[in-house]
């Protein structure tokens, strides 16, 4: 009886050790600076050029509106003393309306810039994510963490998969 109990205990210990070893092997963690990877992808310079042109066009429109506001404001101040009350009220309303349009334009421009950037960058993000998934599967990783500052508070090593992801994306830098 004692011999059987010893055999069962030995088998349980072996199974526990094997399970622990298997669990340790199954958890492989890698890390990558996702933002840096995106910056290095081919085609990012084109995105920057498109965004700069888009910003310039919006800034040009805003500048035109602001010049118009300055002209109307200067004209109002110059001629206010000689204007009738109804003309003063009309000019003041024009100036106030233009200020409102400028504020609305600025808010709209911010949203449009954000939307445009998202539209241009999304294909790169998706391609980089797919490369990371492929590298993780090929390398047997259970987790890939973004190694940006303050995102990982503790790490005892891990493996930087940036070279593998760059290779997958054809980046030679």
C-alpha atoms as a PDB file:
ATOM      1  CA  UNK A   1       0.000   0.000   0.000  1.00  0.00           C
ATOM      2  CA  UNK A   2       2.769   2.423   0.935  1.00  0.00           C
ATOM      3  CA  UNK A   3       4.582   1.489  -2.276  1.00  0.00           C
ATOM      4  CA  UNK A   4       1.489   2.305  -4.385  1.00  0.00           C
ATOM      5  CA  UNK A   5       1.018   5.592  -2.559  1.00  0.00           C
ATOM      6  CA  UNK A   6       4.654   6.481  -3.237  1.00  0.00           C
ATOM      7  CA  UNK A   7       4.233   5.622  -6.932  1.00  0.00           C
ATOM      8  CA  UNK A   8       1.076   7.742  -7.203  1.00  0.00           C
ATOM      9  CA  UNK A   9       2.802  10.630  -5.429  1.00  0.00           C
ATOM     10  CA  UNK A  10       5.811  10.377  -7.773  1.00  0.00           C
ATOM     11  CA  UNK A  11       3.515  10.385 -10.812  1.00  0.00           C
ATOM     12  CA  UNK A  12       1.623  13.443  -9.510  1.00  0.00           C
ATOM     13  CA  UNK A  13       4.927  15.284  -8.910  1.00  0.00           C
ATOM     14  CA  UNK A  14       6.172  14.417 -12.417  1.00  0.00           C
ATOM     15  CA  UNK A  15       2.907  15.582 -13.978  1.00  0.00           C
ATOM     16  CA  UNK A  16       3.049  18.845 -11.984  1.00  0.00           C
ATOM     17  CA  UNK A  17       6.673  19.467 -13.026  1.00  0.00           C
ATOM     18  CA  UNK A  18       5.837  18.705 -16.670  1.00  0.00           C
ATOM     19  CA  UNK A  19       2.810  21.006 -16.587  1.00  0.00           C
ATOM     20  CA  UNK A  20       4.835  23.805 -14.996  1.00  0.00           C
ATOM     21  CA  UNK A  21       7.602  23.396 -17.566  1.00  0.00           C
ATOM     22  CA  UNK A  22       5.027  23.400 -20.388  1.00  0.00           C
ATOM     23  CA  UNK A  23       3.347  26.524 -18.992  1.00  0.00           C
ATOM     24  CA  UNK A  24       6.691  28.299 -18.758  1.00  0.00           C
ATOM     25  CA  UNK A  25       7.513  27.426 -22.365  1.00  0.00           C
ATOM     26  CA  UNK A  26       4.098  28.584 -23.579  1.00  0.00           C
ATOM     27  CA  UNK A  27       4.558  32.143 -22.301  1.00  0.00           C
ATOM     28  CA  UNK A  28       7.074  33.919 -24.485  1.00  0.00           C
ATOM     29  CA  UNK A  29       6.990  37.716 -24.342  1.00  0.00           C
ATOM     30  CA  UNK A  30       8.398  40.142 -26.894  1.00  0.00           C
ATOM     31  CA  UNK A  31       8.357  43.911 -27.160  1.00  0.00           C
ATOM     32  CA  UNK A  32       8.555  46.572 -29.851  1.00  0.00           C
ATOM     33  CA  UNK A  33       8.405  50.358 -30.137  1.00  0.00           C
ATOM     34  CA  UNK A  34       5.340  50.459 -32.389  1.00  0.00           C
ATOM     35  CA  UNK A  35       5.595  54.194 -33.090  1.00  0.00           C
ATOM     36  CA  UNK A  36       9.208  53.915 -34.195  1.00  0.00           C
ATOM     37  CA  UNK A  37       8.323  50.980 -36.438  1.00  0.00           C
ATOM     38  CA  UNK A  38       5.562  53.047 -38.076  1.00  0.00           C
ATOM     39  CA  UNK A  39       7.943  55.970 -38.639  1.00  0.00           C
ATOM     40  CA  UNK A  40      10.415  53.709 -40.432  1.00  0.00           C
ATOM     41  CA  UNK A  41       7.916  52.082 -42.774  1.00  0.00           C
ATOM     42  CA  UNK A  42       8.276  52.880 -46.472  1.00  0.00           C
ATOM     43  CA  UNK A  43       5.744  55.474 -47.605  1.00  0.00           C
ATOM     44  CA  UNK A  44       5.651  57.502 -44.398  1.00  0.00           C
ATOM     45  CA  UNK A  45       7.437  60.398 -46.106  1.00  0.00           C
ATOM     46  CA  UNK A  46       4.556  60.552 -48.608  1.00  0.00           C
ATOM     47  CA  UNK A  47       2.063  60.765 -45.736  1.00  0.00           C
ATOM     48  CA  UNK A  48       4.047  63.670 -44.258  1.00  0.00           C
ATOM     49  CA  UNK A  49       4.065  65.527 -47.584  1.00  0.00           C
ATOM     50  CA  UNK A  50       0.318  65.039 -48.068  1.00  0.00           C
ATOM     51  CA  UNK A  51      -0.391  66.216 -44.520  1.00  0.00           C
ATOM     52  CA  UNK A  52       1.853  69.286 -44.901  1.00  0.00           C
ATOM     53  CA  UNK A  53       0.026  70.306 -48.099  1.00  0.00           C
ATOM     54  CA  UNK A  54      -3.337  69.768 -46.413  1.00  0.00           C
ATOM     55  CA  UNK A  55      -2.292  71.875 -43.409  1.00  0.00           C
ATOM     56  CA  UNK A  56      -1.031  74.631 -45.715  1.00  0.00           C
ATOM     57  CA  UNK A  57      -4.332  74.771 -47.585  1.00  0.00           C
ATOM     58  CA  UNK A  58      -6.287  75.064 -44.343  1.00  0.00           C
ATOM     59  CA  UNK A  59      -3.882  77.672 -42.991  1.00  0.00           C
ATOM     60  CA  UNK A  60      -4.248  79.678 -46.205  1.00  0.00           C
ATOM     61  CA  UNK A  61      -8.023  79.739 -45.839  1.00  0.00           C
ATOM     62  CA  UNK A  62      -7.771  80.706 -42.174  1.00  0.00           C
ATOM     63  CA  UNK A  63      -5.306  83.465 -42.982  1.00  0.00           C
ATOM     64  CA  UNK A  64      -7.686  84.884 -45.624  1.00  0.00           C
ATOM     65  CA  UNK A  65     -10.525  84.915 -43.093  1.00  0.00           C
ATOM     66  CA  UNK A  66      -8.356  86.601 -40.457  1.00  0.00           C
ATOM     67  CA  UNK A  67      -7.234  89.278 -42.939  1.00  0.00           C
ATOM     68  CA  UNK A  68     -10.863  89.967 -43.779  1.00  0.00           C
ATOM     69  CA  UNK A  69     -11.627  90.299 -40.058  1.00  0.00           C
ATOM     70  CA  UNK A  70      -8.730  92.697 -39.563  1.00  0.00           C
ATOM     71  CA  UNK A  71      -9.857  94.838 -42.513  1.00  0.00           C
ATOM     72  CA  UNK A  72     -13.458  94.985 -41.293  1.00  0.00           C
ATOM     73  CA  UNK A  73     -12.305  95.781 -37.759  1.00  0.00           C
ATOM     74  CA  UNK A  74      -9.983  98.553 -38.934  1.00  0.00           C
ATOM     75  CA  UNK A  75     -12.692 100.002 -41.193  1.00  0.00           C
ATOM     76  CA  UNK A  76     -15.167  99.938 -38.314  1.00  0.00           C
ATOM     77  CA  UNK A  77     -12.789 101.691 -35.919  1.00  0.00           C
ATOM     78  CA  UNK A  78     -11.822 104.279 -38.528  1.00  0.00           C
ATOM     79  CA  UNK A  79     -15.399 105.165 -39.508  1.00  0.00           C
ATOM     80  CA  UNK A  80     -17.407 104.388 -36.343  1.00  0.00           C
ATOM     81  CA  UNK A  81     -17.729 108.032 -35.365  1.00  0.00           C
ATOM     82  CA  UNK A  82     -19.431 108.948 -38.638  1.00  0.00           C
ATOM     83  CA  UNK A  83     -21.669 105.861 -38.947  1.00  0.00           C
ATOM     84  CA  UNK A  84     -25.361 105.864 -38.175  1.00  0.00           C
ATOM     85  CA  UNK A  85     -26.540 103.480 -35.446  1.00  0.00           C
ATOM     86  CA  UNK A  86     -28.030 101.027 -37.932  1.00  0.00           C
ATOM     87  CA  UNK A  87     -24.793 100.865 -39.972  1.00  0.00           C
ATOM     88  CA  UNK A  88     -22.750 100.459 -36.742  1.00  0.00           C
ATOM     89  CA  UNK A  89     -25.006  97.609 -35.655  1.00  0.00           C
ATOM     90  CA  UNK A  90     -24.731  95.990 -39.090  1.00  0.00           C
ATOM     91  CA  UNK A  91     -20.920  96.272 -39.128  1.00  0.00           C
ATOM     92  CA  UNK A  92     -20.658  94.935 -35.566  1.00  0.00           C
ATOM     93  CA  UNK A  93     -22.835  91.956 -36.515  1.00  0.00           C
ATOM     94  CA  UNK A  94     -20.672  91.308 -39.605  1.00  0.00           C
ATOM     95  CA  UNK A  95     -17.537  91.324 -37.428  1.00  0.00           C
ATOM     96  CA  UNK A  96     -19.114  89.089 -34.785  1.00  0.00           C
ATOM     97  CA  UNK A  97     -20.393  86.671 -37.436  1.00  0.00           C
ATOM     98  CA  UNK A  98     -16.969  86.527 -39.075  1.00  0.00           C
ATOM     99  CA  UNK A  99     -15.334  85.814 -35.701  1.00  0.00           C
ATOM    100  CA  UNK A 100     -17.812  82.985 -35.200  1.00  0.00           C
ATOM    101  CA  UNK A 101     -17.066  81.578 -38.656  1.00  0.00           C
ATOM    102  CA  UNK A 102     -13.335  81.707 -37.933  1.00  0.00           C
ATOM    103  CA  UNK A 103     -13.803  79.808 -34.658  1.00  0.00           C
ATOM    104  CA  UNK A 104     -16.045  77.244 -36.358  1.00  0.00           C
ATOM    105  CA  UNK A 105     -13.493  76.889 -39.173  1.00  0.00           C
ATOM    106  CA  UNK A 106     -10.677  76.297 -36.675  1.00  0.00           C
ATOM    107  CA  UNK A 107     -12.657  73.581 -34.898  1.00  0.00           C
ATOM    108  CA  UNK A 108     -13.654  71.981 -38.173  1.00  0.00           C
ATOM    109  CA  UNK A 109     -10.080  72.156 -39.444  1.00  0.00           C
ATOM    110  CA  UNK A 110      -8.806  70.372 -36.317  1.00  0.00           C
ATOM    111  CA  UNK A 111     -11.271  67.543 -36.860  1.00  0.00           C
ATOM    112  CA  UNK A 112     -10.504  67.352 -40.579  1.00  0.00           C
ATOM    113  CA  UNK A 113      -6.766  67.203 -39.883  1.00  0.00           C
ATOM    114  CA  UNK A 114      -7.280  64.407 -37.400  1.00  0.00           C
ATOM    115  CA  UNK A 115      -9.551  62.507 -39.800  1.00  0.00           C
ATOM    116  CA  UNK A 116      -7.105  62.969 -42.689  1.00  0.00           C
ATOM    117  CA  UNK A 117      -4.191  61.740 -40.607  1.00  0.00           C
ATOM    118  CA  UNK A 118      -6.204  58.706 -39.499  1.00  0.00           C
ATOM    119  CA  UNK A 119      -7.190  57.991 -43.101  1.00  0.00           C
ATOM    120  CA  UNK A 120      -3.575  58.161 -44.286  1.00  0.00           C
ATOM    121  CA  UNK A 121      -1.970  56.268 -41.405  1.00  0.00           C
ATOM    122  CA  UNK A 122      -4.512  53.445 -40.955  1.00  0.00           C
ATOM    123  CA  UNK A 123      -3.168  51.270 -43.801  1.00  0.00           C
ATOM    124  CA  UNK A 124       0.333  51.502 -42.293  1.00  0.00           C
ATOM    125  CA  UNK A 125      -0.948  50.647 -38.803  1.00  0.00           C
ATOM    126  CA  UNK A 126      -2.836  47.635 -40.140  1.00  0.00           C
ATOM    127  CA  UNK A 127       0.177  46.434 -42.133  1.00  0.00           C
ATOM    128  CA  UNK A 128       2.497  46.819 -39.115  1.00  0.00           C
ATOM    129  CA  UNK A 129       0.037  45.007 -36.840  1.00  0.00           C
ATOM    130  CA  UNK A 130      -0.191  42.150 -39.319  1.00  0.00           C
ATOM    131  CA  UNK A 131       3.614  41.911 -39.496  1.00  0.00           C
ATOM    132  CA  UNK A 132       3.780  41.799 -35.693  1.00  0.00           C
ATOM    133  CA  UNK A 133       1.100  39.072 -35.591  1.00  0.00           C
ATOM    134  CA  UNK A 134       3.019  37.072 -38.194  1.00  0.00           C
ATOM    135  CA  UNK A 135       6.298  37.450 -36.284  1.00  0.00           C
ATOM    136  CA  UNK A 136       4.568  36.483 -33.027  1.00  0.00           C
ATOM    137  CA  UNK A 137       3.109  33.333 -34.566  1.00  0.00           C
ATOM    138  CA  UNK A 138       6.370  32.385 -36.285  1.00  0.00           C
ATOM    139  CA  UNK A 139       8.411  33.069 -33.140  1.00  0.00           C
ATOM    140  CA  UNK A 140       6.042  31.361 -30.738  1.00  0.00           C
ATOM    141  CA  UNK A 141       5.331  34.535 -28.748  1.00  0.00           C
ATOM    142  CA  UNK A 142       2.361  34.623 -26.403  1.00  0.00           C
ATOM    143  CA  UNK A 143       2.519  38.385 -25.901  1.00  0.00           C
ATOM    144  CA  UNK A 144       4.025  41.352 -27.720  1.00  0.00           C
ATOM    145  CA  UNK A 145       4.135  44.554 -25.707  1.00  0.00           C
ATOM    146  CA  UNK A 146       4.563  48.114 -26.944  1.00  0.00           C
ATOM    147  CA  UNK A 147       7.771  49.238 -25.271  1.00  0.00           C
ATOM    148  CA  UNK A 148       6.915  52.947 -25.263  1.00  0.00           C
ATOM    149  CA  UNK A 149       7.841  54.819 -22.076  1.00  0.00           C
ATOM    150  CA  UNK A 150       5.667  54.185 -19.028  1.00  0.00           C
ATOM    151  CA  UNK A 151       3.620  51.521 -20.800  1.00  0.00           C
ATOM    152  CA  UNK A 152       5.583  48.607 -19.311  1.00  0.00           C
ATOM    153  CA  UNK A 153       6.394  49.258 -15.684  1.00  0.00           C
ATOM    154  CA  UNK A 154       8.428  46.112 -15.123  1.00  0.00           C
ATOM    155  CA  UNK A 155      10.156  43.845 -17.525  1.00  0.00           C
ATOM    156  CA  UNK A 156      12.734  41.197 -16.934  1.00  0.00           C
ATOM    157  CA  UNK A 157      14.105  40.986 -20.413  1.00  0.00           C
ATOM    158  CA  UNK A 158      11.807  39.910 -23.162  1.00  0.00           C
ATOM    159  CA  UNK A 159      12.827  39.949 -26.775  1.00  0.00           C
ATOM    160  CA  UNK A 160      12.699  43.026 -29.019  1.00  0.00           C
ATOM    161  CA  UNK A 161      10.987  41.867 -32.181  1.00  0.00           C
ATOM    162  CA  UNK A 162      11.601  45.110 -34.120  1.00  0.00           C
ATOM    163  CA  UNK A 163      14.277  43.523 -36.365  1.00  0.00           C
ATOM    164  CA  UNK A 164      11.920  40.670 -37.253  1.00  0.00           C
ATOM    165  CA  UNK A 165       8.981  43.013 -37.949  1.00  0.00           C
ATOM    166  CA  UNK A 166      11.219  45.318 -40.025  1.00  0.00           C
ATOM    167  CA  UNK A 167      12.373  42.340 -42.057  1.00  0.00           C
ATOM    168  CA  UNK A 168       8.750  41.290 -42.582  1.00  0.00           C
ATOM    169  CA  UNK A 169       7.936  44.830 -43.798  1.00  0.00           C
ATOM    170  CA  UNK A 170      11.050  45.184 -45.965  1.00  0.00           C
ATOM    171  CA  UNK A 171      12.598  47.956 -43.837  1.00  0.00           C
ATOM    172  CA  UNK A 172      16.381  47.963 -44.114  1.00  0.00           C
ATOM    173  CA  UNK A 173      17.264  50.776 -41.675  1.00  0.00           C
END
